[in-house]
PDB file of N, CA and C in Angstrom:
ATOM      1  N   MET A   1      -6.426 -32.037  38.199  1.00  0.00           N
ATOM      2  CA  MET A   1      -6.725 -32.943  39.289  1.00  0.00           C
ATOM      3  C   MET A   1      -7.564 -34.134  38.796  1.00  0.00           C
ATOM      4  N   GLU A   2      -8.531 -33.857  37.936  1.00  0.00           N
ATOM      5  CA  GLU A   2      -9.390 -34.941  37.452  1.00  0.00           C
ATOM      6  C   GLU A   2      -8.615 -36.016  36.704  1.00  0.00           C
ATOM      7  N   ALA A   3      -7.568 -35.603  35.996  1.00  0.00           N
ATOM      8  CA  ALA A   3      -6.768 -36.571  35.238  1.00  0.00           C
ATOM      9  C   ALA A   3      -5.782 -37.326  36.122  1.00  0.00           C
ATOM     10  N   ARG A   4      -5.645 -36.879  37.355  1.00  0.00           N
ATOM     11  CA  ARG A   4      -4.724 -37.522  38.303  1.00  0.00           C
ATOM     12  C   ARG A   4      -3.284 -37.515  37.790  1.00  0.00           C
ATOM     13  N   VAL A   5      -2.839 -36.321  37.381  1.00  0.00           N
ATOM     14  CA  VAL A   5      -1.472 -36.134  36.911  1.00  0.00           C
ATOM     15  C   VAL A   5      -0.755 -35.199  37.876  1.00  0.00           C
ATOM     16  N   VAL A   6       0.422 -35.608  38.310  1.00  0.00           N
ATOM     17  CA  VAL A   6       1.254 -34.811  39.203  1.00  0.00           C
ATOM     18  C   VAL A   6       2.484 -34.385  38.423  1.00  0.00           C
ATOM     19  N   VAL A   7       2.790 -33.093  38.464  1.00  0.00           N
ATOM     20  CA  VAL A   7       3.979 -32.574  37.800  1.00  0.00           C
ATOM     21  C   VAL A   7       4.980 -32.184  38.879  1.00  0.00           C
ATOM     22  N   GLU A   8       6.161 -32.757  38.784  1.00  0.00           N
ATOM     23  CA  GLU A   8       7.209 -32.449  39.750  1.00  0.00           C
ATOM     24  C   GLU A   8       8.405 -31.865  39.011  1.00  0.00           C
ATOM     25  N   VAL A   9       8.910 -30.768  39.533  1.00  0.00           N
ATOM     26  CA  VAL A   9      10.093 -30.130  38.969  1.00  0.00           C
ATOM     27  C   VAL A   9      11.215 -30.279  39.982  1.00  0.00           C
ATOM     28  N   ASP A  10      12.282 -30.942  39.546  1.00  0.00           N
ATOM     29  CA  ASP A  10      13.380 -31.277  40.444  1.00  0.00           C
ATOM     30  C   ASP A  10      14.619 -30.445  40.153  1.00  0.00           C
ATOM     31  N   GLY A  11      15.266 -30.059  41.225  1.00  0.00           N
ATOM     32  CA  GLY A  11      16.582 -29.430  41.124  1.00  0.00           C
ATOM     33  C   GLY A  11      17.658 -30.484  41.247  1.00  0.00           C
ATOM     34  N   SER A  12      18.884 -30.054  41.202  1.00  0.00           N
ATOM     35  CA  SER A  12      20.006 -30.995  41.211  1.00  0.00           C
ATOM     36  C   SER A  12      20.072 -31.838  42.485  1.00  0.00           C
ATOM     37  N   GLN A  13      19.493 -31.351  43.593  1.00  0.00           N
ATOM     38  CA  GLN A  13      19.523 -32.119  44.838  1.00  0.00           C
ATOM     39  C   GLN A  13      18.805 -33.459  44.694  1.00  0.00           C
ATOM     40  N   HIS A  14      17.911 -33.571  43.739  1.00  0.00           N
ATOM     41  CA  HIS A  14      17.172 -34.820  43.573  1.00  0.00           C
ATOM     42  C   HIS A  14      17.988 -35.909  42.898  1.00  0.00           C
ATOM     43  N   ALA A  15      19.126 -35.558  42.355  1.00  0.00           N
ATOM     44  CA  ALA A  15      19.993 -36.568  41.747  1.00  0.00           C
ATOM     45  C   ALA A  15      20.443 -37.582  42.785  1.00  0.00           C
ATOM     46  N   THR A  16      20.494 -37.171  44.041  1.00  0.00           N
ATOM     47  CA  THR A  16      20.912 -38.073  45.114  1.00  0.00           C
ATOM     48  C   THR A  16      19.727 -38.596  45.921  1.00  0.00           C
ATOM     49  N   MET A  17      18.511 -38.301  45.464  1.00  0.00           N
ATOM     50  CA  MET A  17      17.311 -38.692  46.210  1.00  0.00           C
ATOM     51  C   MET A  17      16.422 -39.632  45.409  1.00  0.00           C
ATOM     52  N   GLU A  18      17.033 -40.414  44.512  1.00  0.00           N
ATOM     53  CA  GLU A  18      16.253 -41.275  43.632  1.00  0.00           C
ATOM     54  C   GLU A  18      15.385 -42.273  44.390  1.00  0.00           C
ATOM     55  N   ALA A  19      15.896 -42.844  45.464  1.00  0.00           N
ATOM     56  CA  ALA A  19      15.123 -43.836  46.219  1.00  0.00           C
ATOM     57  C   ALA A  19      13.893 -43.208  46.844  1.00  0.00           C
ATOM     58  N   ALA A  20      14.040 -42.041  47.440  1.00  0.00           N
ATOM     59  CA  ALA A  20      12.896 -41.356  48.051  1.00  0.00           C
ATOM     60  C   ALA A  20      11.883 -40.946  46.989  1.00  0.00           C
ATOM     61  N   ASP A  21      12.365 -40.466  45.855  1.00  0.00           N
ATOM     62  CA  ASP A  21      11.476 -40.101  44.757  1.00  0.00           C
ATOM     63  C   ASP A  21      10.702 -41.314  44.261  1.00  0.00           C
ATOM     64  N   ARG A  22      11.383 -42.446  44.166  1.00  0.00           N
ATOM     65  CA  ARG A  22      10.737 -43.670  43.696  1.00  0.00           C
ATOM     66  C   ARG A  22       9.635 -44.107  44.652  1.00  0.00           C
ATOM     67  N   VAL A  23       9.886 -44.025  45.955  1.00  0.00           N
ATOM     68  CA  VAL A  23       8.874 -44.400  46.952  1.00  0.00           C
ATOM     69  C   VAL A  23       7.643 -43.506  46.804  1.00  0.00           C
ATOM     70  N   ARG A  24       7.872 -42.201  46.673  1.00  0.00           N
ATOM     71  CA  ARG A  24       6.757 -41.257  46.528  1.00  0.00           C
ATOM     72  C   ARG A  24       5.998 -41.511  45.222  1.00  0.00           C
ATOM     73  N   THR A  25       6.743 -41.731  44.140  1.00  0.00           N
ATOM     74  CA  THR A  25       6.109 -42.001  42.850  1.00  0.00           C
ATOM     75  C   THR A  25       5.291 -43.280  42.905  1.00  0.00           C
ATOM     76  N   ASP A  26       5.826 -44.305  43.523  1.00  0.00           N
ATOM     77  CA  ASP A  26       5.105 -45.571  43.649  1.00  0.00           C
ATOM     78  C   ASP A  26       3.823 -45.407  44.457  1.00  0.00           C
ATOM     79  N   ALA A  27       3.882 -44.625  45.527  1.00  0.00           N
ATOM     80  CA  ALA A  27       2.691 -44.390  46.353  1.00  0.00           C
ATOM     81  C   ALA A  27       1.631 -43.619  45.558  1.00  0.00           C
ATOM     82  N   LEU A  28       2.063 -42.624  44.813  1.00  0.00           N
ATOM     83  CA  LEU A  28       1.115 -41.867  43.993  1.00  0.00           C
ATOM     84  C   LEU A  28       0.524 -42.743  42.893  1.00  0.00           C
ATOM     85  N   ALA A  29       1.354 -43.572  42.273  1.00  0.00           N
ATOM     86  CA  ALA A  29       0.869 -44.480  41.228  1.00  0.00           C
ATOM     87  C   ALA A  29      -0.148 -45.465  41.796  1.00  0.00           C
ATOM     88  N   ALA A  30       0.099 -45.953  42.993  1.00  0.00           N
ATOM     89  CA  ALA A  30      -0.837 -46.879  43.632  1.00  0.00           C
ATOM     90  C   ALA A  30      -2.185 -46.212  43.895  1.00  0.00           C
ATOM     91  N   ALA A  31      -2.171 -44.896  44.048  1.00  0.00           N
ATOM     92  CA  ALA A  31      -3.411 -44.142  44.258  1.00  0.00           C
ATOM     93  C   ALA A  31      -4.029 -43.690  42.934  1.00  0.00           C
ATOM     94  N   GLY A  32      -3.415 -44.107  41.817  1.00  0.00           N
ATOM     95  CA  GLY A  32      -3.979 -43.802  40.508  1.00  0.00           C
ATOM     96  C   GLY A  32      -3.430 -42.562  39.831  1.00  0.00           C
ATOM     97  N   TYR A  33      -2.345 -42.028  40.344  1.00  0.00           N
ATOM     98  CA  TYR A  33      -1.753 -40.816  39.765  1.00  0.00           C
ATOM     99  C   TYR A  33      -0.600 -41.159  38.840  1.00  0.00           C
ATOM    100  N   LEU A  34      -0.428 -40.343  37.821  1.00  0.00           N
ATOM    101  CA  LEU A  34       0.738 -40.393  36.950  1.00  0.00           C
ATOM    102  C   LEU A  34       1.649 -39.253  37.361  1.00  0.00           C
ATOM    103  N   VAL A  35       2.908 -39.559  37.614  1.00  0.00           N
ATOM    104  CA  VAL A  35       3.874 -38.534  38.000  1.00  0.00           C
ATOM    105  C   VAL A  35       4.753 -38.213  36.802  1.00  0.00           C
ATOM    106  N   LEU A  36       4.764 -36.940  36.433  1.00  0.00           N
ATOM    107  CA  LEU A  36       5.659 -36.452  35.388  1.00  0.00           C
ATOM    108  C   LEU A  36       6.747 -35.657  36.079  1.00  0.00           C
ATOM    109  N   ARG A  37       7.970 -36.071  35.876  1.00  0.00           N
ATOM    110  CA  ARG A  37       9.087 -35.422  36.567  1.00  0.00           C
ATOM    111  C   ARG A  37       9.988 -34.748  35.539  1.00  0.00           C
ATOM    112  N   PHE A  38      10.305 -33.497  35.812  1.00  0.00           N
ATOM    113  CA  PHE A  38      11.169 -32.711  34.936  1.00  0.00           C
ATOM    114  C   PHE A  38      12.280 -32.096  35.768  1.00  0.00           C
ATOM    115  N   TRP A  39      13.427 -31.904  35.153  1.00  0.00           N
ATOM    116  CA  TRP A  39      14.518 -31.186  35.785  1.00  0.00           C
ATOM    117  C   TRP A  39      14.288 -29.691  35.613  1.00  0.00           C
ATOM    118  N   ASN A  40      14.776 -28.906  36.550  1.00  0.00           N
ATOM    119  CA  ASN A  40      14.671 -27.453  36.462  1.00  0.00           C
ATOM    120  C   ASN A  40      15.157 -26.936  35.116  1.00  0.00           C
ATOM    121  N   ASN A  41      16.303 -27.455  34.665  1.00  0.00           N
ATOM    122  CA  ASN A  41      16.862 -26.950  33.414  1.00  0.00           C
ATOM    123  C   ASN A  41      15.976 -27.258  32.210  1.00  0.00           C
ATOM    124  N   GLU A  42      15.198 -28.336  32.273  1.00  0.00           N
ATOM    125  CA  GLU A  42      14.247 -28.619  31.200  1.00  0.00           C
ATOM    126  C   GLU A  42      13.139 -27.575  31.169  1.00  0.00           C
ATOM    127  N   VAL A  43      12.623 -27.242  32.350  1.00  0.00           N
ATOM    128  CA  VAL A  43      11.549 -26.259  32.443  1.00  0.00           C
ATOM    129  C   VAL A  43      12.049 -24.884  32.017  1.00  0.00           C
ATOM    130  N   LEU A  44      13.219 -24.529  32.482  1.00  0.00           N
ATOM    131  CA  LEU A  44      13.761 -23.209  32.158  1.00  0.00           C
ATOM    132  C   LEU A  44      14.283 -23.121  30.723  1.00  0.00           C
ATOM    133  N   GLY A  45      14.786 -24.220  30.186  1.00  0.00           N
ATOM    134  CA  GLY A  45      15.421 -24.182  28.881  1.00  0.00           C
ATOM    135  C   GLY A  45      14.543 -24.564  27.710  1.00  0.00           C
ATOM    136  N   ASP A  46      13.479 -25.341  27.978  1.00  0.00           N
ATOM    137  CA  ASP A  46      12.625 -25.790  26.876  1.00  0.00           C
ATOM    138  C   ASP A  46      11.203 -26.009  27.381  1.00  0.00           C
ATOM    139  N   ILE A  47      10.602 -24.935  27.852  1.00  0.00           N
ATOM    140  CA  ILE A  47       9.261 -25.024  28.437  1.00  0.00           C
ATOM    141  C   ILE A  47       8.247 -25.566  27.435  1.00  0.00           C
ATOM    142  N   ASP A  48       8.425 -25.266  26.149  1.00  0.00           N
ATOM    143  CA  ASP A  48       7.474 -25.771  25.150  1.00  0.00           C
ATOM    144  C   ASP A  48       7.466 -27.296  25.115  1.00  0.00           C
ATOM    145  N   ALA A  49       8.628 -27.916  25.194  1.00  0.00           N
ATOM    146  CA  ALA A  49       8.698 -29.376  25.205  1.00  0.00           C
ATOM    147  C   ALA A  49       8.063 -29.939  26.475  1.00  0.00           C
ATOM    148  N   VAL A  50       8.303 -29.300  27.592  1.00  0.00           N
ATOM    149  CA  VAL A  50       7.720 -29.736  28.860  1.00  0.00           C
ATOM    150  C   VAL A  50       6.188 -29.643  28.787  1.00  0.00           C
ATOM    151  N   LEU A  51       5.697 -28.532  28.292  1.00  0.00           N
ATOM    152  CA  LEU A  51       4.239 -28.351  28.173  1.00  0.00           C
ATOM    153  C   LEU A  51       3.624 -29.350  27.202  1.00  0.00           C
ATOM    154  N   THR A  52       4.360 -29.714  26.166  1.00  0.00           N
ATOM    155  CA  THR A  52       3.870 -30.724  25.230  1.00  0.00           C
ATOM    156  C   THR A  52       3.720 -32.074  25.919  1.00  0.00           C
ATOM    157  N   VAL A  53       4.695 -32.441  26.723  1.00  0.00           N
ATOM    158  CA  VAL A  53       4.621 -33.711  27.466  1.00  0.00           C
ATOM    159  C   VAL A  53       3.429 -33.689  28.422  1.00  0.00           C
ATOM    160  N   ILE A  54       3.251 -32.590  29.123  1.00  0.00           N
ATOM    161  CA  ILE A  54       2.122 -32.470  30.063  1.00  0.00           C
ATOM    162  C   ILE A  54       0.804 -32.530  29.307  1.00  0.00           C
ATOM    163  N   ASP A  55       0.709 -31.784  28.213  1.00  0.00           N
ATOM    164  CA  ASP A  55      -0.510 -31.773  27.408  1.00  0.00           C
ATOM    165  C   ASP A  55      -0.837 -33.164  26.883  1.00  0.00           C
ATOM    166  N   ASP A  56       0.162 -33.877  26.381  1.00  0.00           N
ATOM    167  CA  ASP A  56      -0.043 -35.231  25.889  1.00  0.00           C
ATOM    168  C   ASP A  56      -0.524 -36.160  27.003  1.00  0.00           C
ATOM    169  N   ALA A  57       0.072 -36.027  28.171  1.00  0.00           N
ATOM    170  CA  ALA A  57      -0.336 -36.860  29.308  1.00  0.00           C
ATOM    171  C   ALA A  57      -1.787 -36.591  29.687  1.00  0.00           C
ATOM    172  N   LEU A  58      -2.152 -35.316  29.722  1.00  0.00           N
ATOM    173  CA  LEU A  58      -3.526 -34.971  30.074  1.00  0.00           C
ATOM    174  C   LEU A  58      -4.520 -35.455  29.023  1.00  0.00           C
ATOM    175  N   ALA A  59      -4.132 -35.373  27.762  1.00  0.00           N
ATOM    176  CA  ALA A  59      -5.026 -35.798  26.681  1.00  0.00           C
ATOM    177  C   ALA A  59      -5.244 -37.309  26.686  1.00  0.00           C
ATOM    178  N   ASN A  60      -4.292 -38.056  27.235  1.00  0.00           N
ATOM    179  CA  ASN A  60      -4.363 -39.517  27.197  1.00  0.00           C
ATOM    180  C   ASN A  60      -4.762 -40.151  28.518  1.00  0.00           C
ATOM    181  N   ARG A  61      -5.106 -39.339  29.503  1.00  0.00           N
ATOM    182  CA  ARG A  61      -5.497 -39.882  30.800  1.00  0.00           C
ATOM    183  C   ARG A  61      -7.005 -39.857  30.949  1.00  0.00           C
ATOM    184  N   PRO A  62      -7.567 -40.928  31.457  1.00  0.00           N
ATOM    185  CA  PRO A  62      -9.005 -40.874  31.755  1.00  0.00           C
ATOM    186  C   PRO A  62      -9.249 -39.956  32.944  1.00  0.00           C
ATOM    187  N   THR A  63     -10.383 -39.326  32.974  1.00  0.00           N
ATOM    188  CA  THR A  63     -10.713 -38.485  34.119  1.00  0.00           C
ATOM    189  C   THR A  63     -11.262 -39.349  35.243  1.00  0.00           C
ATOM    190  N   ALA A  64     -11.061 -38.875  36.449  1.00  0.00           N
ATOM    191  CA  ALA A  64     -11.545 -39.614  37.628  1.00  0.00           C
ATOM    192  C   ALA A  64     -13.055 -39.591  37.643  1.00  0.00           C
ATOM    193  N   PRO A  65     -13.676 -40.649  38.130  1.00  0.00           N
ATOM    194  CA  PRO A  65     -15.157 -40.691  38.193  1.00  0.00           C
ATOM    195  C   PRO A  65     -15.710 -39.673  39.156  1.00  0.00           C
TER     196      PRO A  65
END
């Protein structure tokens, strides 16, 4: 929470919801959050790579005051 990072895991239904996802991501970004979005198959098939991306994001984000 302090790093203001949001992790979203999307299923195939989100392939048709890009506009709604973009609006939500933009609103979160405006509030100072970084949104990391992964597909279900990425999480299920290569969790180590997903965790590396999350870890890198957390290591490079300033903490909230």
